[in-house]
Amino acid sequence: MDKFLLLRLSIQLCCFSELSGSLSARDNTDEIVQCRTCHLQFSGEKCSRGRGICTATTEEACAVGTIYKNNGILWLTFMGCLKNCANVRNIIWSVYLVNFRCCRGYDLCNENL
C-alpha cells in the first residue's frame, strides 16, 4: 500500500475514534444533574453564603441538610452536591437534630425538598 493512503487511513481512524468518544460522553449527560447550592441559610432568611449551582457527578446527588434545635425549631439549612448521599433523619448532634435528603430526578431537585 502507498504510504500516503496509510497516513490518510490512520488520520480518518483517529478522527472517528475522537468522534465516537465525544458521542459516548454526550450520552452520559442525562446522568448529570445540576443542584442548587447554599452553604448557609438561617431560618426565615435568604441564602447568605454560597448561593449558586453545582453539577453532580455520577457518584453525587443533590442534597439538602437541615439542622433543627432540640425543641424542633428549624435553625439552619444548607444544600449542594454530595458524594455518597443518603437520606438520614434525626441525627443527634449536641443540642441539634440533623437531616439529609438526597435527589437525582431532575435539575435543581433539591430546591423544594
PDB file of N, CA and C in Angstrom:
ATOM      1  N   MET A   1       0.829  -1.184   0.000  1.00  0.00           N
ATOM      2  CA  MET A   1       0.000   0.000   0.000  1.00  0.00           C
ATOM      3  C   MET A   1       0.871   1.243   0.000  1.00  0.00           C
ATOM      4  N   ASP A   2       0.346   2.280  -0.515  1.00  0.00           N
ATOM      5  CA  ASP A   2       1.047   3.552  -0.581  1.00  0.00           C
ATOM      6  C   ASP A   2       1.087   4.195   0.800  1.00  0.00           C
ATOM      7  N   LYS A   3       2.215   4.822   1.168  1.00  0.00           N
ATOM      8  CA  LYS A   3       2.350   5.467   2.469  1.00  0.00           C
ATOM      9  C   LYS A   3       1.314   6.569   2.642  1.00  0.00           C
ATOM     10  N   PHE A   4       1.001   7.276   1.587  1.00  0.00           N
ATOM     11  CA  PHE A   4       0.000   8.344   1.651  1.00  0.00           C
ATOM     12  C   PHE A   4      -1.362   7.785   2.047  1.00  0.00           C
ATOM     13  N   LEU A   5      -1.755   6.649   1.464  1.00  0.00           N
ATOM     14  CA  LEU A   5      -3.041   6.048   1.804  1.00  0.00           C
ATOM     15  C   LEU A   5      -3.063   5.558   3.248  1.00  0.00           C
ATOM     16  N   LEU A   6      -1.951   4.987   3.726  1.00  0.00           N
ATOM     17  CA  LEU A   6      -1.875   4.549   5.116  1.00  0.00           C
ATOM     18  C   LEU A   6      -2.007   5.733   6.072  1.00  0.00           C
ATOM     19  N   LEU A   7      -1.327   6.816   5.741  1.00  0.00           N
ATOM     20  CA  LEU A   7      -1.411   8.014   6.566  1.00  0.00           C
ATOM     21  C   LEU A   7      -2.840   8.558   6.598  1.00  0.00           C
ATOM     22  N   ARG A   8      -3.470   8.601   5.456  1.00  0.00           N
ATOM     23  CA  ARG A   8      -4.847   9.098   5.359  1.00  0.00           C
ATOM     24  C   ARG A   8      -5.799   8.205   6.150  1.00  0.00           C
ATOM     25  N   LEU A   9      -5.622   6.890   6.062  1.00  0.00           N
ATOM     26  CA  LEU A   9      -6.459   5.947   6.800  1.00  0.00           C
ATOM     27  C   LEU A   9      -6.283   6.122   8.304  1.00  0.00           C
ATOM     28  N   SER A  10      -5.034   6.274   8.743  1.00  0.00           N
ATOM     29  CA  SER A  10      -4.793   6.441  10.178  1.00  0.00           C
ATOM     30  C   SER A  10      -5.409   7.735  10.697  1.00  0.00           C
ATOM     31  N   ILE A  11      -5.362   8.806   9.888  1.00  0.00           N
ATOM     32  CA  ILE A  11      -5.977  10.074  10.290  1.00  0.00           C
ATOM     33  C   ILE A  11      -7.491   9.923  10.390  1.00  0.00           C
ATOM     34  N   GLN A  12      -8.099   9.235   9.444  1.00  0.00           N
ATOM     35  CA  GLN A  12      -9.554   9.041   9.482  1.00  0.00           C
ATOM     36  C   GLN A  12      -9.956   8.197  10.680  1.00  0.00           C
ATOM     37  N   LEU A  13      -9.187   7.150  10.981  1.00  0.00           N
ATOM     38  CA  LEU A  13      -9.497   6.311  12.140  1.00  0.00           C
ATOM     39  C   LEU A  13      -9.353   7.101  13.435  1.00  0.00           C
ATOM     40  N   CYS A  14      -8.328   7.935  13.483  1.00  0.00           N
ATOM     41  CA  CYS A  14      -8.124   8.781  14.657  1.00  0.00           C
ATOM     42  C   CYS A  14      -9.315   9.721  14.847  1.00  0.00           C
ATOM     43  N   CYS A  15      -9.745  10.358  13.784  1.00  0.00           N
ATOM     44  CA  CYS A  15     -10.894  11.265  13.856  1.00  0.00           C
ATOM     45  C   CYS A  15     -12.163  10.527  14.250  1.00  0.00           C
ATOM     46  N   PHE A  16     -12.348   9.316  13.744  1.00  0.00           N
ATOM     47  CA  PHE A  16     -13.523   8.525  14.077  1.00  0.00           C
ATOM     48  C   PHE A  16     -13.523   8.151  15.553  1.00  0.00           C
ATOM     49  N   SER A  17     -12.352   7.766  16.081  1.00  0.00           N
ATOM     50  CA  SER A  17     -12.309   7.394  17.496  1.00  0.00           C
ATOM     51  C   SER A  17     -12.581   8.605  18.380  1.00  0.00           C
ATOM     52  N   GLU A  18     -12.097   9.794  17.981  1.00  0.00           N
ATOM     53  CA  GLU A  18     -12.391  11.005  18.731  1.00  0.00           C
ATOM     54  C   GLU A  18     -13.878  11.332  18.701  1.00  0.00           C
ATOM     55  N   LEU A  19     -14.494  11.180  17.540  1.00  0.00           N
ATOM     56  CA  LEU A  19     -15.919  11.448  17.401  1.00  0.00           C
ATOM     57  C   LEU A  19     -16.735  10.469  18.226  1.00  0.00           C
ATOM     58  N   SER A  20     -16.392   9.194  18.181  1.00  0.00           N
ATOM     59  CA  SER A  20     -17.162   8.213  18.941  1.00  0.00           C
ATOM     60  C   SER A  20     -16.985   8.427  20.435  1.00  0.00           C
ATOM     61  N   GLY A  21     -15.801   8.871  20.865  1.00  0.00           N
ATOM     62  CA  GLY A  21     -15.585   9.186  22.275  1.00  0.00           C
ATOM     63  C   GLY A  21     -16.435  10.352  22.726  1.00  0.00           C
ATOM     64  N   SER A  22     -16.541  11.374  21.892  1.00  0.00           N
ATOM     65  CA  SER A  22     -17.349  12.524  22.276  1.00  0.00           C
ATOM     66  C   SER A  22     -18.833  12.185  22.272  1.00  0.00           C
ATOM     67  N   LEU A  23     -19.243  11.290  21.399  1.00  0.00           N
ATOM     68  CA  LEU A  23     -20.645  10.876  21.394  1.00  0.00           C
ATOM     69  C   LEU A  23     -20.978  10.070  22.638  1.00  0.00           C
ATOM     70  N   SER A  24     -20.075   9.178  23.048  1.00  0.00           N
ATOM     71  CA  SER A  24     -20.366   8.390  24.247  1.00  0.00           C
ATOM     72  C   SER A  24     -20.369   9.288  25.481  1.00  0.00           C
ATOM     73  N   ALA A  25     -19.522  10.309  25.508  1.00  0.00           N
ATOM     74  CA  ALA A  25     -19.547  11.250  26.629  1.00  0.00           C
ATOM     75  C   ALA A  25     -20.855  12.022  26.646  1.00  0.00           C
ATOM     76  N   ARG A  26     -21.372  12.355  25.472  1.00  0.00           N
ATOM     77  CA  ARG A  26     -22.641  13.076  25.387  1.00  0.00           C
ATOM     78  C   ARG A  26     -23.783  12.203  25.878  1.00  0.00           C
ATOM     79  N   ASP A  27     -23.707  10.895  25.648  1.00  0.00           N
ATOM     80  CA  ASP A  27     -24.766  10.003  26.113  1.00  0.00           C
ATOM     81  C   ASP A  27     -24.857   9.979  27.633  1.00  0.00           C
ATOM     82  N   ASN A  28     -23.749  10.236  28.341  1.00  0.00           N
ATOM     83  CA  ASN A  28     -23.753  10.202  29.792  1.00  0.00           C
ATOM     84  C   ASN A  28     -24.310  11.474  30.414  1.00  0.00           C
ATOM     85  N   THR A  29     -24.590  12.488  29.622  1.00  0.00           N
ATOM     86  CA  THR A  29     -25.038  13.750  30.196  1.00  0.00           C
ATOM     87  C   THR A  29     -26.413  13.647  30.830  1.00  0.00           C
ATOM     88  N   ASP A  30     -27.245  12.670  30.448  1.00  0.00           N
ATOM     89  CA  ASP A  30     -28.537  12.587  31.106  1.00  0.00           C
ATOM     90  C   ASP A  30     -28.376  12.093  32.544  1.00  0.00           C
ATOM     91  N   GLU A  31     -27.190  11.593  32.910  1.00  0.00           N
ATOM     92  CA  GLU A  31     -26.932  11.199  34.282  1.00  0.00           C
ATOM     93  C   GLU A  31     -26.450  12.378  35.116  1.00  0.00           C
ATOM     94  N   ILE A  32     -26.049  13.454  34.461  1.00  0.00           N
ATOM     95  CA  ILE A  32     -25.547  14.627  35.164  1.00  0.00           C
ATOM     96  C   ILE A  32     -26.727  15.489  35.584  1.00  0.00           C
ATOM     97  N   VAL A  33     -26.699  15.926  36.839  1.00  0.00           N
ATOM     98  CA  VAL A  33     -27.788  16.727  37.386  1.00  0.00           C
ATOM     99  C   VAL A  33     -27.191  18.000  37.985  1.00  0.00           C
ATOM    100  N   GLN A  34     -27.849  19.125  37.760  1.00  0.00           N
ATOM    101  CA  GLN A  34     -27.435  20.363  38.407  1.00  0.00           C
ATOM    102  C   GLN A  34     -28.216  20.535  39.699  1.00  0.00           C
ATOM    103  N   CYS A  35     -27.509  21.006  40.714  1.00  0.00           N
ATOM    104  CA  CYS A  35     -28.107  21.153  42.041  1.00  0.00           C
ATOM    105  C   CYS A  35     -27.956  22.587  42.533  1.00  0.00           C
ATOM    106  N   ARG A  36     -28.913  23.036  43.300  1.00  0.00           N
ATOM    107  CA  ARG A  36     -28.826  24.351  43.930  1.00  0.00           C
ATOM    108  C   ARG A  36     -27.819  24.263  45.076  1.00  0.00           C
ATOM    109  N   THR A  37     -27.007  25.292  45.254  1.00  0.00           N
ATOM    110  CA  THR A  37     -26.095  25.338  46.388  1.00  0.00           C
ATOM    111  C   THR A  37     -26.412  26.536  47.266  1.00  0.00           C
ATOM    112  N   CYS A  38     -26.277  26.339  48.527  1.00  0.00           N
ATOM    113  CA  CYS A  38     -26.338  27.395  49.525  1.00  0.00           C
ATOM    114  C   CYS A  38     -25.624  26.841  50.754  1.00  0.00           C
ATOM    115  N   HIS A  39     -24.519  27.450  51.116  1.00  0.00           N
ATOM    116  CA  HIS A  39     -23.738  26.928  52.234  1.00  0.00           C
ATOM    117  C   HIS A  39     -24.319  27.320  53.582  1.00  0.00           C
ATOM    118  N   LEU A  40     -25.092  28.385  53.601  1.00  0.00           N
ATOM    119  CA  LEU A  40     -25.586  28.891  54.878  1.00  0.00           C
ATOM    120  C   LEU A  40     -26.888  29.650  54.697  1.00  0.00           C
ATOM    121  N   GLN A  41     -27.978  29.101  55.237  1.00  0.00           N
ATOM    122  CA  GLN A  41     -29.268  29.787  55.188  1.00  0.00           C
ATOM    123  C   GLN A  41     -29.962  29.576  56.524  1.00  0.00           C
ATOM    124  N   PHE A  42     -30.066  30.649  57.294  1.00  0.00           N
ATOM    125  CA  PHE A  42     -30.741  30.561  58.575  1.00  0.00           C
ATOM    126  C   PHE A  42     -32.249  30.626  58.375  1.00  0.00           C
ATOM    127  N   SER A  43     -32.969  30.085  59.305  1.00  0.00           N
ATOM    128  CA  SER A  43     -34.426  30.021  59.223  1.00  0.00           C
ATOM    129  C   SER A  43     -35.033  31.410  59.038  1.00  0.00           C
ATOM    130  N   GLY A  44     -35.934  31.513  58.074  1.00  0.00           N
ATOM    131  CA  GLY A  44     -36.624  32.763  57.807  1.00  0.00           C
ATOM    132  C   GLY A  44     -35.821  33.770  57.004  1.00  0.00           C
ATOM    133  N   GLU A  45     -34.597  33.410  56.583  1.00  0.00           N
ATOM    134  CA  GLU A  45     -33.756  34.324  55.818  1.00  0.00           C
ATOM    135  C   GLU A  45     -33.428  33.724  54.459  1.00  0.00           C
ATOM    136  N   LYS A  46     -32.907  34.573  53.565  1.00  0.00           N
ATOM    137  CA  LYS A  46     -32.414  34.094  52.278  1.00  0.00           C
ATOM    138  C   LYS A  46     -31.021  33.517  52.466  1.00  0.00           C
ATOM    139  N   CYS A  47     -30.545  32.838  51.442  1.00  0.00           N
ATOM    140  CA  CYS A  47     -29.204  32.266  51.468  1.00  0.00           C
ATOM    141  C   CYS A  47     -28.174  33.375  51.688  1.00  0.00           C
ATOM    142  N   SER A  48     -27.333  33.207  52.694  1.00  0.00           N
ATOM    143  CA  SER A  48     -26.360  34.252  52.992  1.00  0.00           C
ATOM    144  C   SER A  48     -24.948  33.917  52.532  1.00  0.00           C
ATOM    145  N   ARG A  49     -24.639  32.651  52.252  1.00  0.00           N
ATOM    146  CA  ARG A  49     -23.308  32.261  51.790  1.00  0.00           C
ATOM    147  C   ARG A  49     -23.416  31.114  50.795  1.00  0.00           C
ATOM    148  N   GLY A  50     -22.659  31.213  49.700  1.00  0.00           N
ATOM    149  CA  GLY A  50     -22.508  30.091  48.778  1.00  0.00           C
ATOM    150  C   GLY A  50     -23.673  29.818  47.855  1.00  0.00           C
ATOM    151  N   ARG A  51     -24.484  30.802  47.549  1.00  0.00           N
ATOM    152  CA  ARG A  51     -25.625  30.583  46.649  1.00  0.00           C
ATOM    153  C   ARG A  51     -25.128  30.378  45.231  1.00  0.00           C
ATOM    154  N   GLY A  52     -25.640  29.341  44.562  1.00  0.00           N
ATOM    155  CA  GLY A  52     -25.253  29.072  43.188  1.00  0.00           C
ATOM    156  C   GLY A  52     -25.751  27.722  42.723  1.00  0.00           C
ATOM    157  N   ILE A  53     -25.015  27.135  41.789  1.00  0.00           N
ATOM    158  CA  ILE A  53     -25.378  25.843  41.206  1.00  0.00           C
ATOM    159  C   ILE A  53     -24.115  24.998  41.114  1.00  0.00           C
ATOM    160  N   CYS A  54     -24.227  23.726  41.451  1.00  0.00           N
ATOM    161  CA  CYS A  54     -23.125  22.784  41.254  1.00  0.00           C
ATOM    162  C   CYS A  54     -23.619  21.678  40.330  1.00  0.00           C
ATOM    163  N   THR A  55     -22.694  20.974  39.720  1.00  0.00           N
ATOM    164  CA  THR A  55     -23.035  19.860  38.842  1.00  0.00           C
ATOM    165  C   THR A  55     -22.629  18.567  39.521  1.00  0.00           C
ATOM    166  N   ALA A  56     -23.600  17.719  39.798  1.00  0.00           N
ATOM    167  CA  ALA A  56     -23.341  16.452  40.475  1.00  0.00           C
ATOM    168  C   ALA A  56     -22.756  15.442  39.491  1.00  0.00           C
ATOM    169  N   THR A  57     -21.682  14.797  39.894  1.00  0.00           N
ATOM    170  CA  THR A  57     -21.111  13.722  39.094  1.00  0.00           C
ATOM    171  C   THR A  57     -21.995  12.488  39.249  1.00  0.00           C
ATOM    172  N   THR A  58     -21.636  11.416  38.575  1.00  0.00           N
ATOM    173  CA  THR A  58     -22.434  10.193  38.677  1.00  0.00           C
ATOM    174  C   THR A  58     -22.385   9.605  40.082  1.00  0.00           C
ATOM    175  N   GLU A  59     -21.360   9.958  40.877  1.00  0.00           N
ATOM    176  CA  GLU A  59     -21.257   9.463  42.249  1.00  0.00           C
ATOM    177  C   GLU A  59     -21.940  10.384  43.247  1.00  0.00           C
ATOM    178  N   GLU A  60     -22.442  11.514  42.792  1.00  0.00           N
ATOM    179  CA  GLU A  60     -23.024  12.503  43.690  1.00  0.00           C
ATOM    180  C   GLU A  60     -24.522  12.642  43.461  1.00  0.00           C
ATOM    181  N   ALA A  61     -25.160  13.320  44.401  1.00  0.00           N
ATOM    182  CA  ALA A  61     -26.579  13.637  44.293  1.00  0.00           C
ATOM    183  C   ALA A  61     -26.784  15.046  44.826  1.00  0.00           C
ATOM    184  N   CYS A  62     -27.930  15.620  44.535  1.00  0.00           N
ATOM    185  CA  CYS A  62     -28.302  16.895  45.122  1.00  0.00           C
ATOM    186  C   CYS A  62     -28.731  16.624  46.557  1.00  0.00           C
ATOM    187  N   ALA A  63     -28.308  17.479  47.460  1.00  0.00           N
ATOM    188  CA  ALA A  63     -28.606  17.241  48.873  1.00  0.00           C
ATOM    189  C   ALA A  63     -29.102  18.511  49.540  1.00  0.00           C
ATOM    190  N   VAL A  64     -29.942  18.305  50.552  1.00  0.00           N
ATOM    191  CA  VAL A  64     -30.379  19.372  51.442  1.00  0.00           C
ATOM    192  C   VAL A  64     -30.146  18.875  52.859  1.00  0.00           C
ATOM    193  N   GLY A  65     -29.449  19.682  53.629  1.00  0.00           N
ATOM    194  CA  GLY A  65     -29.260  19.375  55.042  1.00  0.00           C
ATOM    195  C   GLY A  65     -30.006  20.400  55.870  1.00  0.00           C
ATOM    196  N   THR A  66     -30.689  19.937  56.879  1.00  0.00           N
ATOM    197  CA  THR A  66     -31.398  20.848  57.776  1.00  0.00           C
ATOM    198  C   THR A  66     -30.970  20.538  59.204  1.00  0.00           C
ATOM    199  N   ILE A  67     -30.789  21.595  59.963  1.00  0.00           N
ATOM    200  CA  ILE A  67     -30.419  21.444  61.367  1.00  0.00           C
ATOM    201  C   ILE A  67     -31.511  22.103  62.205  1.00  0.00           C
ATOM    202  N   TYR A  68     -32.073  21.315  63.106  1.00  0.00           N
ATOM    203  CA  TYR A  68     -33.134  21.779  63.999  1.00  0.00           C
ATOM    204  C   TYR A  68     -32.598  21.857  65.420  1.00  0.00           C
ATOM    205  N   LYS A  69     -33.080  22.828  66.157  1.00  0.00           N
ATOM    206  CA  LYS A  69     -32.777  22.865  67.589  1.00  0.00           C
ATOM    207  C   LYS A  69     -33.523  21.703  68.232  1.00  0.00           C
ATOM    208  N   ASN A  70     -33.094  21.313  69.425  1.00  0.00           N
ATOM    209  CA  ASN A  70     -33.720  20.142  70.051  1.00  0.00           C
ATOM    210  C   ASN A  70     -35.191  20.346  70.379  1.00  0.00           C
ATOM    211  N   ASN A  71     -35.676  21.593  70.306  1.00  0.00           N
ATOM    212  CA  ASN A  71     -37.100  21.849  70.518  1.00  0.00           C
ATOM    213  C   ASN A  71     -37.902  21.750  69.209  1.00  0.00           C
ATOM    214  N   GLY A  72     -37.238  21.354  68.106  1.00  0.00           N
ATOM    215  CA  GLY A  72     -37.916  21.146  66.835  1.00  0.00           C
ATOM    216  C   GLY A  72     -37.979  22.351  65.922  1.00  0.00           C
ATOM    217  N   ILE A  73     -37.401  23.468  66.329  1.00  0.00           N
ATOM    218  CA  ILE A  73     -37.430  24.680  65.507  1.00  0.00           C
ATOM    219  C   ILE A  73     -36.260  24.649  64.517  1.00  0.00           C
ATOM    220  N   LEU A  74     -36.563  24.905  63.234  1.00  0.00           N
ATOM    221  CA  LEU A  74     -35.534  24.931  62.201  1.00  0.00           C
ATOM    222  C   LEU A  74     -34.543  26.045  62.498  1.00  0.00           C
ATOM    223  N   TRP A  75     -33.245  25.713  62.449  1.00  0.00           N
ATOM    224  CA  TRP A  75     -32.206  26.689  62.728  1.00  0.00           C
ATOM    225  C   TRP A  75     -31.402  27.036  61.478  1.00  0.00           C
ATOM    226  N   LEU A  76     -31.013  26.013  60.681  1.00  0.00           N
ATOM    227  CA  LEU A  76     -30.101  26.234  59.573  1.00  0.00           C
ATOM    228  C   LEU A  76     -30.373  25.244  58.453  1.00  0.00           C
ATOM    229  N   THR A  77     -30.231  25.700  57.199  1.00  0.00           N
ATOM    230  CA  THR A  77     -30.360  24.836  56.019  1.00  0.00           C
ATOM    231  C   THR A  77     -29.128  25.038  55.141  1.00  0.00           C
ATOM    232  N   PHE A  78     -28.668  23.955  54.530  1.00  0.00           N
ATOM    233  CA  PHE A  78     -27.575  24.046  53.564  1.00  0.00           C
ATOM    234  C   PHE A  78     -27.865  23.065  52.443  1.00  0.00           C
ATOM    235  N   MET A  79     -27.377  23.344  51.240  1.00  0.00           N
ATOM    236  CA  MET A  79     -27.636  22.458  50.104  1.00  0.00           C
ATOM    237  C   MET A  79     -26.498  22.519  49.104  1.00  0.00           C
ATOM    238  N   GLY A  80     -26.405  21.441  48.299  1.00  0.00           N
ATOM    239  CA  GLY A  80     -25.363  21.364  47.289  1.00  0.00           C
ATOM    240  C   GLY A  80     -25.221  19.953  46.753  1.00  0.00           C
ATOM    241  N   CYS A  81     -24.080  19.667  46.137  1.00  0.00           N
ATOM    242  CA  CYS A  81     -23.765  18.341  45.611  1.00  0.00           C
ATOM    243  C   CYS A  81     -23.051  17.550  46.699  1.00  0.00           C
ATOM    244  N   LEU A  82     -23.442  16.296  46.871  1.00  0.00           N
ATOM    245  CA  LEU A  82     -22.860  15.490  47.944  1.00  0.00           C
ATOM    246  C   LEU A  82     -22.560  14.090  47.436  1.00  0.00           C
ATOM    247  N   LYS A  83     -21.326  13.644  47.641  1.00  0.00           N
ATOM    248  CA  LYS A  83     -20.910  12.303  47.240  1.00  0.00           C
ATOM    249  C   LYS A  83     -21.460  11.292  48.241  1.00  0.00           C
ATOM    250  N   ASN A  84     -21.894  10.143  47.736  1.00  0.00           N
ATOM    251  CA  ASN A  84     -22.440   9.064  48.564  1.00  0.00           C
ATOM    252  C   ASN A  84     -23.561   9.573  49.475  1.00  0.00           C
ATOM    253  N   CYS A  85     -24.424  10.356  48.925  1.00  0.00           N
ATOM    254  CA  CYS A  85     -25.520  10.959  49.687  1.00  0.00           C
ATOM    255  C   CYS A  85     -26.505   9.881  50.150  1.00  0.00           C
ATOM    256  N   ALA A  86     -27.012  10.057  51.342  1.00  0.00           N
ATOM    257  CA  ALA A  86     -28.009   9.131  51.886  1.00  0.00           C
ATOM    258  C   ALA A  86     -29.063   9.925  52.646  1.00  0.00           C
ATOM    259  N   ASN A  87     -30.304   9.515  52.531  1.00  0.00           N
ATOM    260  CA  ASN A  87     -31.380  10.145  53.289  1.00  0.00           C
ATOM    261  C   ASN A  87     -31.265   9.697  54.742  1.00  0.00           C
ATOM    262  N   VAL A  88     -31.127  10.665  55.633  1.00  0.00           N
ATOM    263  CA  VAL A  88     -30.967  10.371  57.051  1.00  0.00           C
ATOM    264  C   VAL A  88     -31.846  11.326  57.834  1.00  0.00           C
ATOM    265  N   ARG A  89     -32.429  10.807  58.904  1.00  0.00           N
ATOM    266  CA  ARG A  89     -33.306  11.641  59.727  1.00  0.00           C
ATOM    267  C   ARG A  89     -32.862  11.617  61.179  1.00  0.00           C
ATOM    268  N   ASN A  90     -32.936  12.790  61.775  1.00  0.00           N
ATOM    269  CA  ASN A  90     -32.761  12.955  63.216  1.00  0.00           C
ATOM    270  C   ASN A  90     -31.448  12.416  63.774  1.00  0.00           C
ATOM    271  N   ILE A  91     -30.340  12.801  63.156  1.00  0.00           N
ATOM    272  CA  ILE A  91     -29.032  12.523  63.731  1.00  0.00           C
ATOM    273  C   ILE A  91     -28.836  13.507  64.883  1.00  0.00           C
ATOM    274  N   ILE A  92     -28.517  13.017  66.035  1.00  0.00           N
ATOM    275  CA  ILE A  92     -28.317  13.898  67.186  1.00  0.00           C
ATOM    276  C   ILE A  92     -26.894  14.431  67.149  1.00  0.00           C
ATOM    277  N   TRP A  93     -26.785  15.754  67.155  1.00  0.00           N
ATOM    278  CA  TRP A  93     -25.502  16.444  67.143  1.00  0.00           C
ATOM    279  C   TRP A  93     -25.560  17.517  68.212  1.00  0.00           C
ATOM    280  N   SER A  94     -25.019  17.201  69.390  1.00  0.00           N
ATOM    281  CA  SER A  94     -25.077  18.088  70.539  1.00  0.00           C
ATOM    282  C   SER A  94     -26.547  18.388  70.863  1.00  0.00           C
ATOM    283  N   VAL A  95     -26.968  19.647  70.784  1.00  0.00           N
ATOM    284  CA  VAL A  95     -28.358  20.005  71.086  1.00  0.00           C
ATOM    285  C   VAL A  95     -29.185  20.175  69.812  1.00  0.00           C
ATOM    286  N   TYR A  96     -28.718  19.607  68.701  1.00  0.00           N
ATOM    287  CA  TYR A  96     -29.389  19.760  67.409  1.00  0.00           C
ATOM    288  C   TYR A  96     -29.770  18.402  66.835  1.00  0.00           C
ATOM    289  N   LEU A  97     -30.736  18.433  65.916  1.00  0.00           N
ATOM    290  CA  LEU A  97     -31.099  17.270  65.109  1.00  0.00           C
ATOM    291  C   LEU A  97     -30.787  17.613  63.661  1.00  0.00           C
ATOM    292  N   VAL A  98     -30.103  16.710  62.967  1.00  0.00           N
ATOM    293  CA  VAL A  98     -29.667  16.953  61.597  1.00  0.00           C
ATOM    294  C   VAL A  98     -30.368  15.969  60.666  1.00  0.00           C
ATOM    295  N   ASN A  99     -30.848  16.478  59.537  1.00  0.00           N
ATOM    296  CA  ASN A  99     -31.480  15.657  58.495  1.00  0.00           C
ATOM    297  C   ASN A  99     -30.773  15.895  57.164  1.00  0.00           C
ATOM    298  N   PHE A 100     -30.653  14.842  56.362  1.00  0.00           N
ATOM    299  CA  PHE A 100     -30.151  14.944  54.997  1.00  0.00           C
ATOM    300  C   PHE A 100     -31.186  14.336  54.070  1.00  0.00           C
ATOM    301  N   ARG A 101     -31.476  15.026  52.977  1.00  0.00           N
ATOM    302  CA  ARG A 101     -32.353  14.493  51.933  1.00  0.00           C
ATOM    303  C   ARG A 101     -31.625  14.607  50.603  1.00  0.00           C
ATOM    304  N   CYS A 102     -31.730  13.571  49.781  1.00  0.00           N
ATOM    305  CA  CYS A 102     -30.992  13.494  48.520  1.00  0.00           C
ATOM    306  C   CYS A 102     -31.953  13.258  47.359  1.00  0.00           C
ATOM    307  N   CYS A 103     -31.555  13.744  46.170  1.00  0.00           N
ATOM    308  CA  CYS A 103     -32.357  13.511  44.970  1.00  0.00           C
ATOM    309  C   CYS A 103     -31.462  13.568  43.746  1.00  0.00           C
ATOM    310  N   ARG A 104     -31.899  12.943  42.649  1.00  0.00           N
ATOM    311  CA  ARG A 104     -31.210  12.982  41.358  1.00  0.00           C
ATOM    312  C   ARG A 104     -32.214  13.011  40.214  1.00  0.00           C
ATOM    313  N   GLY A 105     -33.478  13.207  40.485  1.00  0.00           N
ATOM    314  CA  GLY A 105     -34.516  13.064  39.484  1.00  0.00           C
ATOM    315  C   GLY A 105     -34.487  14.077  38.354  1.00  0.00           C
ATOM    316  N   TYR A 106     -34.089  15.314  38.651  1.00  0.00           N
ATOM    317  CA  TYR A 106     -34.103  16.379  37.647  1.00  0.00           C
ATOM    318  C   TYR A 106     -33.246  17.528  38.165  1.00  0.00           C
ATOM    319  N   ASP A 107     -32.902  18.465  37.292  1.00  0.00           N
ATOM    320  CA  ASP A 107     -32.087  19.609  37.680  1.00  0.00           C
ATOM    321  C   ASP A 107     -32.759  20.402  38.790  1.00  0.00           C
ATOM    322  N   LEU A 108     -31.970  20.835  39.744  1.00  0.00           N
ATOM    323  CA  LEU A 108     -32.383  21.665  40.875  1.00  0.00           C
ATOM    324  C   LEU A 108     -33.461  20.992  41.728  1.00  0.00           C
ATOM    325  N   CYS A 109     -33.442  19.660  41.774  1.00  0.00           N
ATOM    326  CA  CYS A 109     -34.459  18.930  42.532  1.00  0.00           C
ATOM    327  C   CYS A 109     -34.372  19.199  44.030  1.00  0.00           C
ATOM    328  N   ASN A 110     -33.235  19.694  44.507  1.00  0.00           N
ATOM    329  CA  ASN A 110     -33.094  19.936  45.941  1.00  0.00           C
ATOM    330  C   ASN A 110     -33.628  21.305  46.376  1.00  0.00           C
ATOM    331  N   GLU A 111     -34.130  22.095  45.448  1.00  0.00           N
ATOM    332  CA  GLU A 111     -34.687  23.404  45.826  1.00  0.00           C
ATOM    333  C   GLU A 111     -35.930  23.277  46.676  1.00  0.00           C
ATOM    334  N   ASN A 112     -36.728  22.274  46.415  1.00  0.00           N
ATOM    335  CA  ASN A 112     -38.030  22.169  47.089  1.00  0.00           C
ATOM    336  C   ASN A 112     -38.148  20.941  47.984  1.00  0.00           C
ATOM    337  N   LEU A 113     -37.011  20.413  48.437  1.00  0.00           N
ATOM    338  CA  LEU A 113     -37.084  19.242  49.334  1.00  0.00           C
ATOM    339  C   LEU A 113     -37.421  19.650  50.730  1.00  0.00           C
TER     340      LEU A 113
END
